[in-house]
Amino acid sequence: MDAIQIKHLEDQRKFQTEIEEKKGFVEYLQVGKRIIFTHTEVDPALEGQGIASQLARHALEYAREKEFEVMPLCPYIAGYIKRHPEYRPLVMKGVNIG
């Protein structure tokens, strides 16, 4: 899948994309210089197209740019970090993602 357009909806605390009226998003909480990723969801019609991966990468790049510590409570984000070790330095000390 080509790169998708991802919007940062700060008031809703999420990164979101919409393709043909179907949505995918990553939700988060922000506490000081810590960002807690809580949920990732992609419409079933968009599954298997790499949408969740692009959302995860975008969210983690945002965290890197803002110098946030990451707490990946969302299993998808934790798994993404596990598969992409370049993001491990962002993970908050004491958090084990495997």
PDB file of N, CA and C in Angstrom:
ATOM      1  N   MET A   1       0.844  -1.187   0.000  1.00  0.00           N
ATOM      2  CA  MET A   1       0.000   0.000   0.000  1.00  0.00           C
ATOM      3  C   MET A   1       0.882   1.239   0.000  1.00  0.00           C
ATOM      4  N   ASP A   2       0.487   2.217  -0.779  1.00  0.00           N
ATOM      5  CA  ASP A   2       1.198   3.492  -0.803  1.00  0.00           C
ATOM      6  C   ASP A   2       1.020   4.194   0.534  1.00  0.00           C
ATOM      7  N   ALA A   3       1.843   5.214   0.753  1.00  0.00           N
ATOM      8  CA  ALA A   3       1.723   6.002   1.982  1.00  0.00           C
ATOM      9  C   ALA A   3       0.320   6.598   2.065  1.00  0.00           C
ATOM     10  N   ILE A   4      -0.184   6.636   3.274  1.00  0.00           N
ATOM     11  CA  ILE A   4      -1.522   7.162   3.509  1.00  0.00           C
ATOM     12  C   ILE A   4      -1.412   8.514   4.207  1.00  0.00           C
ATOM     13  N   GLN A   5      -2.475   9.285   4.129  1.00  0.00           N
ATOM     14  CA  GLN A   5      -2.512  10.560   4.838  1.00  0.00           C
ATOM     15  C   GLN A   5      -3.020  10.307   6.256  1.00  0.00           C
ATOM     16  N   ILE A   6      -2.234  10.741   7.236  1.00  0.00           N
ATOM     17  CA  ILE A   6      -2.581  10.536   8.638  1.00  0.00           C
ATOM     18  C   ILE A   6      -2.725  11.900   9.296  1.00  0.00           C
ATOM     19  N   LYS A   7      -3.839  12.086   9.971  1.00  0.00           N
ATOM     20  CA  LYS A   7      -4.097  13.337  10.681  1.00  0.00           C
ATOM     21  C   LYS A   7      -3.888  13.126  12.178  1.00  0.00           C
ATOM     22  N   HIS A   8      -3.328  14.149  12.817  1.00  0.00           N
ATOM     23  CA  HIS A   8      -3.198  14.130  14.273  1.00  0.00           C
ATOM     24  C   HIS A   8      -4.371  14.917  14.835  1.00  0.00           C
ATOM     25  N   LEU A   9      -5.295  14.223  15.451  1.00  0.00           N
ATOM     26  CA  LEU A   9      -6.468  14.854  16.056  1.00  0.00           C
ATOM     27  C   LEU A   9      -6.181  15.026  17.542  1.00  0.00           C
ATOM     28  N   GLU A  10      -5.462  16.092  17.865  1.00  0.00           N
ATOM     29  CA  GLU A  10      -5.002  16.298  19.237  1.00  0.00           C
ATOM     30  C   GLU A  10      -6.139  16.355  20.240  1.00  0.00           C
ATOM     31  N   ASP A  11      -7.248  16.993  19.875  1.00  0.00           N
ATOM     32  CA  ASP A  11      -8.372  17.121  20.803  1.00  0.00           C
ATOM     33  C   ASP A  11      -9.004  15.767  21.133  1.00  0.00           C
ATOM     34  N   GLN A  12      -8.839  14.795  20.228  1.00  0.00           N
ATOM     35  CA  GLN A  12      -9.365  13.445  20.447  1.00  0.00           C
ATOM     36  C   GLN A  12      -8.266  12.473  20.871  1.00  0.00           C
ATOM     37  N   ARG A  13      -7.051  12.971  20.971  1.00  0.00           N
ATOM     38  CA  ARG A  13      -5.883  12.169  21.338  1.00  0.00           C
ATOM     39  C   ARG A  13      -5.752  10.922  20.465  1.00  0.00           C
ATOM     40  N   LYS A  14      -5.676  11.178  19.151  1.00  0.00           N
ATOM     41  CA  LYS A  14      -5.501  10.051  18.234  1.00  0.00           C
ATOM     42  C   LYS A  14      -4.846  10.492  16.936  1.00  0.00           C
ATOM     43  N   PHE A  15      -4.245   9.518  16.262  1.00  0.00           N
ATOM     44  CA  PHE A  15      -3.748   9.661  14.897  1.00  0.00           C
ATOM     45  C   PHE A  15      -4.723   8.854  14.052  1.00  0.00           C
ATOM     46  N   GLN A  16      -5.216   9.442  12.967  1.00  0.00           N
ATOM     47  CA  GLN A  16      -6.276   8.776  12.216  1.00  0.00           C
ATOM     48  C   GLN A  16      -6.086   8.928  10.712  1.00  0.00           C
ATOM     49  N   THR A  17      -6.496   7.908  10.008  1.00  0.00           N
ATOM     50  CA  THR A  17      -6.565   7.965   8.555  1.00  0.00           C
ATOM     51  C   THR A  17      -7.962   7.544   8.139  1.00  0.00           C
ATOM     52  N   GLU A  18      -8.369   8.022   6.981  1.00  0.00           N
ATOM     53  CA  GLU A  18      -9.668   7.630   6.435  1.00  0.00           C
ATOM     54  C   GLU A  18      -9.483   7.338   4.952  1.00  0.00           C
ATOM     55  N   ILE A  19      -9.894   6.146   4.561  1.00  0.00           N
ATOM     56  CA  ILE A  19      -9.783   5.703   3.169  1.00  0.00           C
ATOM     57  C   ILE A  19     -11.146   5.199   2.750  1.00  0.00           C
ATOM     58  N   GLU A  20     -11.710   5.837   1.740  1.00  0.00           N
ATOM     59  CA  GLU A  20     -13.038   5.442   1.244  1.00  0.00           C
ATOM     60  C   GLU A  20     -14.044   5.315   2.389  1.00  0.00           C
ATOM     61  N   GLU A  21     -14.057   6.325   3.256  1.00  0.00           N
ATOM     62  CA  GLU A  21     -14.985   6.419   4.386  1.00  0.00           C
ATOM     63  C   GLU A  21     -14.760   5.360   5.474  1.00  0.00           C
ATOM     64  N   LYS A  22     -13.646   4.651   5.405  1.00  0.00           N
ATOM     65  CA  LYS A  22     -13.303   3.666   6.427  1.00  0.00           C
ATOM     66  C   LYS A  22     -12.092   4.192   7.186  1.00  0.00           C
ATOM     67  N   LYS A  23     -12.093   3.982   8.505  1.00  0.00           N
ATOM     68  CA  LYS A  23     -11.070   4.611   9.342  1.00  0.00           C
ATOM     69  C   LYS A  23     -10.125   3.611   9.996  1.00  0.00           C
ATOM     70  N   GLY A  24      -8.964   4.126  10.286  1.00  0.00           N
ATOM     71  CA  GLY A  24      -7.987   3.436  11.111  1.00  0.00           C
ATOM     72  C   GLY A  24      -7.404   4.480  12.045  1.00  0.00           C
ATOM     73  N   PHE A  25      -7.045   4.073  13.271  1.00  0.00           N
ATOM     74  CA  PHE A  25      -6.523   5.057  14.214  1.00  0.00           C
ATOM     75  C   PHE A  25      -5.675   4.410  15.301  1.00  0.00           C
ATOM     76  N   VAL A  26      -4.856   5.261  15.923  1.00  0.00           N
ATOM     77  CA  VAL A  26      -4.090   4.930  17.123  1.00  0.00           C
ATOM     78  C   VAL A  26      -4.502   5.959  18.169  1.00  0.00           C
ATOM     79  N   GLU A  27      -4.967   5.481  19.320  1.00  0.00           N
ATOM     80  CA  GLU A  27      -5.349   6.360  20.418  1.00  0.00           C
ATOM     81  C   GLU A  27      -4.229   6.408  21.453  1.00  0.00           C
ATOM     82  N   TYR A  28      -4.146   7.543  22.143  1.00  0.00           N
ATOM     83  CA  TYR A  28      -3.094   7.705  23.142  1.00  0.00           C
ATOM     84  C   TYR A  28      -3.545   8.620  24.268  1.00  0.00           C
ATOM     85  N   LEU A  29      -2.797   8.581  25.339  1.00  0.00           N
ATOM     86  CA  LEU A  29      -2.899   9.542  26.435  1.00  0.00           C
ATOM     87  C   LEU A  29      -1.538  10.205  26.534  1.00  0.00           C
ATOM     88  N   GLN A  30      -1.524  11.459  26.918  1.00  0.00           N
ATOM     89  CA  GLN A  30      -0.251  12.137  27.123  1.00  0.00           C
ATOM     90  C   GLN A  30      -0.200  12.647  28.551  1.00  0.00           C
ATOM     91  N   VAL A  31       0.884  12.297  29.232  1.00  0.00           N
ATOM     92  CA  VAL A  31       1.099  12.730  30.608  1.00  0.00           C
ATOM     93  C   VAL A  31       2.503  13.330  30.653  1.00  0.00           C
ATOM     94  N   GLY A  32       2.584  14.636  30.696  1.00  0.00           N
ATOM     95  CA  GLY A  32       3.893  15.292  30.682  1.00  0.00           C
ATOM     96  C   GLY A  32       4.648  14.918  29.419  1.00  0.00           C
ATOM     97  N   LYS A  33       5.865  14.385  29.599  1.00  0.00           N
ATOM     98  CA  LYS A  33       6.707  13.979  28.458  1.00  0.00           C
ATOM     99  C   LYS A  33       6.580  12.484  28.182  1.00  0.00           C
ATOM    100  N   ARG A  34       5.459  11.921  28.570  1.00  0.00           N
ATOM    101  CA  ARG A  34       5.188  10.500  28.346  1.00  0.00           C
ATOM    102  C   ARG A  34       3.950  10.375  27.463  1.00  0.00           C
ATOM    103  N   ILE A  35       4.036   9.482  26.465  1.00  0.00           N
ATOM    104  CA  ILE A  35       2.882   9.191  25.621  1.00  0.00           C
ATOM    105  C   ILE A  35       2.542   7.714  25.806  1.00  0.00           C
ATOM    106  N   ILE A  36       1.288   7.464  26.105  1.00  0.00           N
ATOM    107  CA  ILE A  36       0.822   6.111  26.394  1.00  0.00           C
ATOM    108  C   ILE A  36      -0.098   5.691  25.255  1.00  0.00           C
ATOM    109  N   PHE A  37       0.361   4.763  24.432  1.00  0.00           N
ATOM    110  CA  PHE A  37      -0.467   4.278  23.326  1.00  0.00           C
ATOM    111  C   PHE A  37      -1.413   3.214  23.867  1.00  0.00           C
ATOM    112  N   THR A  38      -2.711   3.464  23.734  1.00  0.00           N
ATOM    113  CA  THR A  38      -3.716   2.620  24.375  1.00  0.00           C
ATOM    114  C   THR A  38      -4.474   1.699  23.423  1.00  0.00           C
ATOM    115  N   HIS A  39      -4.598   2.077  22.151  1.00  0.00           N
ATOM    116  CA  HIS A  39      -5.441   1.270  21.260  1.00  0.00           C
ATOM    117  C   HIS A  39      -5.131   1.582  19.805  1.00  0.00           C
ATOM    118  N   THR A  40      -5.100   0.546  18.985  1.00  0.00           N
ATOM    119  CA  THR A  40      -4.978   0.682  17.534  1.00  0.00           C
ATOM    120  C   THR A  40      -6.121  -0.091  16.918  1.00  0.00           C
ATOM    121  N   GLU A  41      -6.772   0.525  15.941  1.00  0.00           N
ATOM    122  CA  GLU A  41      -7.905  -0.143  15.281  1.00  0.00           C
ATOM    123  C   GLU A  41      -7.947   0.245  13.810  1.00  0.00           C
ATOM    124  N   VAL A  42      -8.220  -0.739  12.982  1.00  0.00           N
ATOM    125  CA  VAL A  42      -8.372  -0.516  11.541  1.00  0.00           C
ATOM    126  C   VAL A  42      -9.657  -1.197  11.110  1.00  0.00           C
ATOM    127  N   ASP A  43     -10.458  -0.498  10.324  1.00  0.00           N
ATOM    128  CA  ASP A  43     -11.694  -1.074   9.802  1.00  0.00           C
ATOM    129  C   ASP A  43     -11.367  -2.405   9.120  1.00  0.00           C
ATOM    130  N   PRO A  44     -12.170  -3.436   9.360  1.00  0.00           N
ATOM    131  CA  PRO A  44     -11.900  -4.752   8.749  1.00  0.00           C
ATOM    132  C   PRO A  44     -11.717  -4.710   7.228  1.00  0.00           C
ATOM    133  N   ALA A  45     -12.397  -3.791   6.561  1.00  0.00           N
ATOM    134  CA  ALA A  45     -12.266  -3.689   5.099  1.00  0.00           C
ATOM    135  C   ALA A  45     -10.874  -3.216   4.683  1.00  0.00           C
ATOM    136  N   LEU A  46     -10.121  -2.625   5.610  1.00  0.00           N
ATOM    137  CA  LEU A  46      -8.777  -2.116   5.297  1.00  0.00           C
ATOM    138  C   LEU A  46      -7.667  -3.029   5.807  1.00  0.00           C
ATOM    139  N   GLU A  47      -8.022  -4.080   6.523  1.00  0.00           N
ATOM    140  CA  GLU A  47      -7.014  -4.969   7.092  1.00  0.00           C
ATOM    141  C   GLU A  47      -6.160  -5.621   6.008  1.00  0.00           C
ATOM    142  N   GLY A  48      -4.922  -5.904   6.357  1.00  0.00           N
ATOM    143  CA  GLY A  48      -4.013  -6.581   5.434  1.00  0.00           C
ATOM    144  C   GLY A  48      -3.371  -5.665   4.414  1.00  0.00           C
ATOM    145  N   GLN A  49      -3.536  -4.359   4.571  1.00  0.00           N
ATOM    146  CA  GLN A  49      -2.972  -3.403   3.617  1.00  0.00           C
ATOM    147  C   GLN A  49      -1.836  -2.569   4.200  1.00  0.00           C
ATOM    148  N   GLY A  50      -1.423  -2.913   5.425  1.00  0.00           N
ATOM    149  CA  GLY A  50      -0.329  -2.178   6.049  1.00  0.00           C
ATOM    150  C   GLY A  50      -0.749  -0.868   6.702  1.00  0.00           C
ATOM    151  N   ILE A  51      -2.043  -0.648   6.858  1.00  0.00           N
ATOM    152  CA  ILE A  51      -2.539   0.603   7.433  1.00  0.00           C
ATOM    153  C   ILE A  51      -2.087   0.731   8.889  1.00  0.00           C
ATOM    154  N   ALA A  52      -2.280  -0.311   9.686  1.00  0.00           N
ATOM    155  CA  ALA A  52      -1.905  -0.252  11.101  1.00  0.00           C
ATOM    156  C   ALA A  52      -0.408   0.009  11.252  1.00  0.00           C
ATOM    157  N   SER A  53       0.406  -0.595  10.411  1.00  0.00           N
ATOM    158  CA  SER A  53       1.854  -0.371  10.472  1.00  0.00           C
ATOM    159  C   SER A  53       2.201   1.086  10.190  1.00  0.00           C
ATOM    160  N   GLN A  54       1.560   1.674   9.198  1.00  0.00           N
ATOM    161  CA  GLN A  54       1.831   3.076   8.883  1.00  0.00           C
ATOM    162  C   GLN A  54       1.375   3.992  10.015  1.00  0.00           C
ATOM    163  N   LEU A  55       0.239   3.670  10.621  1.00  0.00           N
ATOM    164  CA  LEU A  55      -0.236   4.449  11.763  1.00  0.00           C
ATOM    165  C   LEU A  55       0.745   4.336  12.934  1.00  0.00           C
ATOM    166  N   ALA A  56       1.205   3.126  13.217  1.00  0.00           N
ATOM    167  CA  ALA A  56       2.154   2.911  14.315  1.00  0.00           C
ATOM    168  C   ALA A  56       3.445   3.680  14.067  1.00  0.00           C
ATOM    169  N   ARG A  57       3.977   3.579  12.871  1.00  0.00           N
ATOM    170  CA  ARG A  57       5.221   4.283  12.537  1.00  0.00           C
ATOM    171  C   ARG A  57       5.034   5.796  12.700  1.00  0.00           C
ATOM    172  N   HIS A  58       3.923   6.313  12.209  1.00  0.00           N
ATOM    173  CA  HIS A  58       3.646   7.746  12.314  1.00  0.00           C
ATOM    174  C   HIS A  58       3.581   8.179  13.781  1.00  0.00           C
ATOM    175  N   ALA A  59       2.861   7.420  14.596  1.00  0.00           N
ATOM    176  CA  ALA A  59       2.713   7.741  16.017  1.00  0.00           C
ATOM    177  C   ALA A  59       4.066   7.696  16.732  1.00  0.00           C
ATOM    178  N   LEU A  60       4.872   6.702  16.426  1.00  0.00           N
ATOM    179  CA  LEU A  60       6.183   6.580  17.067  1.00  0.00           C
ATOM    180  C   LEU A  60       7.152   7.664  16.597  1.00  0.00           C
ATOM    181  N   GLU A  61       7.066   8.051  15.339  1.00  0.00           N
ATOM    182  CA  GLU A  61       7.897   9.151  14.848  1.00  0.00           C
ATOM    183  C   GLU A  61       7.498  10.466  15.526  1.00  0.00           C
ATOM    184  N   TYR A  62       6.208  10.646  15.763  1.00  0.00           N
ATOM    185  CA  TYR A  62       5.742  11.813  16.506  1.00  0.00           C
ATOM    186  C   TYR A  62       6.356  11.811  17.908  1.00  0.00           C
ATOM    187  N   ALA A  63       6.323  10.659  18.571  1.00  0.00           N
ATOM    188  CA  ALA A  63       6.901  10.544  19.908  1.00  0.00           C
ATOM    189  C   ALA A  63       8.398  10.859  19.884  1.00  0.00           C
ATOM    190  N   ARG A  64       9.091  10.361  18.875  1.00  0.00           N
ATOM    191  CA  ARG A  64      10.534  10.625  18.760  1.00  0.00           C
ATOM    192  C   ARG A  64      10.786  12.124  18.566  1.00  0.00           C
ATOM    193  N   GLU A  65      10.019  12.733  17.667  1.00  0.00           N
ATOM    194  CA  GLU A  65      10.178  14.163  17.372  1.00  0.00           C
ATOM    195  C   GLU A  65       9.943  15.025  18.622  1.00  0.00           C
ATOM    196  N   LYS A  66       8.978  14.647  19.429  1.00  0.00           N
ATOM    197  CA  LYS A  66       8.632  15.416  20.637  1.00  0.00           C
ATOM    198  C   LYS A  66       9.456  14.994  21.862  1.00  0.00           C
ATOM    199  N   GLU A  67      10.329  13.991  21.663  1.00  0.00           N
ATOM    200  CA  GLU A  67      11.176  13.457  22.736  1.00  0.00           C
ATOM    201  C   GLU A  67      10.347  12.924  23.903  1.00  0.00           C
ATOM    202  N   PHE A  68       9.255  12.229  23.567  1.00  0.00           N
ATOM    203  CA  PHE A  68       8.403  11.599  24.566  1.00  0.00           C
ATOM    204  C   PHE A  68       8.925  10.209  24.901  1.00  0.00           C
ATOM    205  N   GLU A  69       8.723   9.797  26.144  1.00  0.00           N
ATOM    206  CA  GLU A  69       8.921   8.407  26.530  1.00  0.00           C
ATOM    207  C   GLU A  69       7.642   7.679  26.130  1.00  0.00           C
ATOM    208  N   VAL A  70       7.779   6.486  25.619  1.00  0.00           N
ATOM    209  CA  VAL A  70       6.638   5.718  25.129  1.00  0.00           C
ATOM    210  C   VAL A  70       6.290   4.593  26.093  1.00  0.00           C
ATOM    211  N   MET A  71       5.005   4.500  26.390  1.00  0.00           N
ATOM    212  CA  MET A  71       4.483   3.359  27.147  1.00  0.00           C
ATOM    213  C   MET A  71       3.467   2.677  26.222  1.00  0.00           C
ATOM    214  N   PRO A  72       3.845   1.561  25.605  1.00  0.00           N
ATOM    215  CA  PRO A  72       2.962   0.901  24.645  1.00  0.00           C
ATOM    216  C   PRO A  72       2.001  -0.090  25.314  1.00  0.00           C
ATOM    217  N   LEU A  73       0.909   0.403  25.868  1.00  0.00           N
ATOM    218  CA  LEU A  73      -0.098  -0.489  26.446  1.00  0.00           C
ATOM    219  C   LEU A  73      -0.857  -1.239  25.359  1.00  0.00           C
ATOM    220  N   CYS A  74      -0.960  -0.649  24.191  1.00  0.00           N
ATOM    221  CA  CYS A  74      -1.613  -1.292  23.052  1.00  0.00           C
ATOM    222  C   CYS A  74      -0.736  -2.443  22.548  1.00  0.00           C
ATOM    223  N   PRO A  75      -1.283  -3.653  22.486  1.00  0.00           N
ATOM    224  CA  PRO A  75      -0.488  -4.799  22.018  1.00  0.00           C
ATOM    225  C   PRO A  75       0.057  -4.625  20.594  1.00  0.00           C
ATOM    226  N   TYR A  76      -0.690  -3.943  19.737  1.00  0.00           N
ATOM    227  CA  TYR A  76      -0.198  -3.759  18.372  1.00  0.00           C
ATOM    228  C   TYR A  76       1.050  -2.876  18.367  1.00  0.00           C
ATOM    229  N   ILE A  77       1.008  -1.763  19.095  1.00  0.00           N
ATOM    230  CA  ILE A  77       2.167  -0.859  19.135  1.00  0.00           C
ATOM    231  C   ILE A  77       3.360  -1.568  19.777  1.00  0.00           C
ATOM    232  N   ALA A  78       3.125  -2.307  20.853  1.00  0.00           N
ATOM    233  CA  ALA A  78       4.213  -3.060  21.496  1.00  0.00           C
ATOM    234  C   ALA A  78       4.836  -4.049  20.512  1.00  0.00           C
ATOM    235  N   GLY A  79       3.990  -4.761  19.760  1.00  0.00           N
ATOM    236  CA  GLY A  79       4.492  -5.708  18.766  1.00  0.00           C
ATOM    237  C   GLY A  79       5.250  -5.019  17.652  1.00  0.00           C
ATOM    238  N   TYR A  80       4.782  -3.846  17.248  1.00  0.00           N
ATOM    239  CA  TYR A  80       5.458  -3.087  16.201  1.00  0.00           C
ATOM    240  C   TYR A  80       6.862  -2.696  16.668  1.00  0.00           C
ATOM    241  N   ILE A  81       6.961  -2.231  17.903  1.00  0.00           N
ATOM    242  CA  ILE A  81       8.273  -1.860  18.449  1.00  0.00           C
ATOM    243  C   ILE A  81       9.177  -3.088  18.522  1.00  0.00           C
ATOM    244  N   LYS A  82       8.630  -4.209  18.906  1.00  0.00           N
ATOM    245  CA  LYS A  82       9.406  -5.452  18.984  1.00  0.00           C
ATOM    246  C   LYS A  82       9.971  -5.824  17.604  1.00  0.00           C
ATOM    247  N   ARG A  83       9.165  -5.630  16.561  1.00  0.00           N
ATOM    248  CA  ARG A  83       9.596  -5.944  15.193  1.00  0.00           C
ATOM    249  C   ARG A  83      10.488  -4.866  14.575  1.00  0.00           C
ATOM    250  N   HIS A  84      10.484  -3.660  15.161  1.00  0.00           N
ATOM    251  CA  HIS A  84      11.263  -2.526  14.644  1.00  0.00           C
ATOM    252  C   HIS A  84      12.108  -1.954  15.787  1.00  0.00           C
ATOM    253  N   PRO A  85      13.227  -2.597  16.071  1.00  0.00           N
ATOM    254  CA  PRO A  85      14.026  -2.240  17.245  1.00  0.00           C
ATOM    255  C   PRO A  85      14.545  -0.802  17.251  1.00  0.00           C
ATOM    256  N   GLU A  86      14.486  -0.108  16.132  1.00  0.00           N
ATOM    257  CA  GLU A  86      14.926   1.291  16.121  1.00  0.00           C
ATOM    258  C   GLU A  86      14.055   2.168  17.032  1.00  0.00           C
ATOM    259  N   TYR A  87      12.874   1.651  17.412  1.00  0.00           N
ATOM    260  CA  TYR A  87      11.990   2.414  18.304  1.00  0.00           C
ATOM    261  C   TYR A  87      12.143   2.024  19.773  1.00  0.00           C
ATOM    262  N   ARG A  88      12.912   0.992  20.075  1.00  0.00           N
ATOM    263  CA  ARG A  88      13.083   0.555  21.472  1.00  0.00           C
ATOM    264  C   ARG A  88      13.644   1.648  22.385  1.00  0.00           C
ATOM    265  N   PRO A  89      14.564   2.484  21.899  1.00  0.00           N
ATOM    266  CA  PRO A  89      15.074   3.539  22.793  1.00  0.00           C
ATOM    267  C   PRO A  89      13.989   4.513  23.284  1.00  0.00           C
ATOM    268  N   LEU A  90      12.861   4.568  22.607  1.00  0.00           N
ATOM    269  CA  LEU A  90      11.775   5.459  23.028  1.00  0.00           C
ATOM    270  C   LEU A  90      10.989   4.896  24.208  1.00  0.00           C
ATOM    271  N   VAL A  91      11.051   3.573  24.386  1.00  0.00           N
ATOM    272  CA  VAL A  91      10.233   2.921  25.390  1.00  0.00           C
ATOM    273  C   VAL A  91      10.706   3.286  26.801  1.00  0.00           C
ATOM    274  N   MET A  92       9.745   3.604  27.631  1.00  0.00           N
ATOM    275  CA  MET A  92       9.999   4.000  29.004  1.00  0.00           C
ATOM    276  C   MET A  92      10.785   2.921  29.750  1.00  0.00           C
ATOM    277  N   LYS A  93      11.755   3.330  30.542  1.00  0.00           N
ATOM    278  CA  LYS A  93      12.538   2.375  31.332  1.00  0.00           C
ATOM    279  C   LYS A  93      11.608   1.588  32.229  1.00  0.00           C
ATOM    280  N   GLY A  94      11.871   0.285  32.318  1.00  0.00           N
ATOM    281  CA  GLY A  94      11.059  -0.597  33.159  1.00  0.00           C
ATOM    282  C   GLY A  94       9.902  -1.259  32.439  1.00  0.00           C
ATOM    283  N   VAL A  95       9.631  -0.839  31.202  1.00  0.00           N
ATOM    284  CA  VAL A  95       8.555  -1.438  30.408  1.00  0.00           C
ATOM    285  C   VAL A  95       9.160  -2.537  29.546  1.00  0.00           C
ATOM    286  N   ASN A  96       8.676  -3.745  29.672  1.00  0.00           N
ATOM    287  CA  ASN A  96       9.188  -4.886  28.914  1.00  0.00           C
ATOM    288  C   ASN A  96       8.225  -5.205  27.787  1.00  0.00           C
ATOM    289  N   ILE A  97       8.723  -5.134  26.567  1.00  0.00           N
ATOM    290  CA  ILE A  97       7.877  -5.486  25.425  1.00  0.00           C
ATOM    291  C   ILE A  97       8.277  -6.836  24.823  1.00  0.00           C
ATOM    292  N   GLY A  98       9.174  -7.537  25.501  1.00  0.00           N
ATOM    293  CA  GLY A  98       9.553  -8.869  25.044  1.00  0.00           C
ATOM    294  C   GLY A  98      10.796  -8.920  24.235  1.00  0.00           C
TER     295      GLY A  98
END
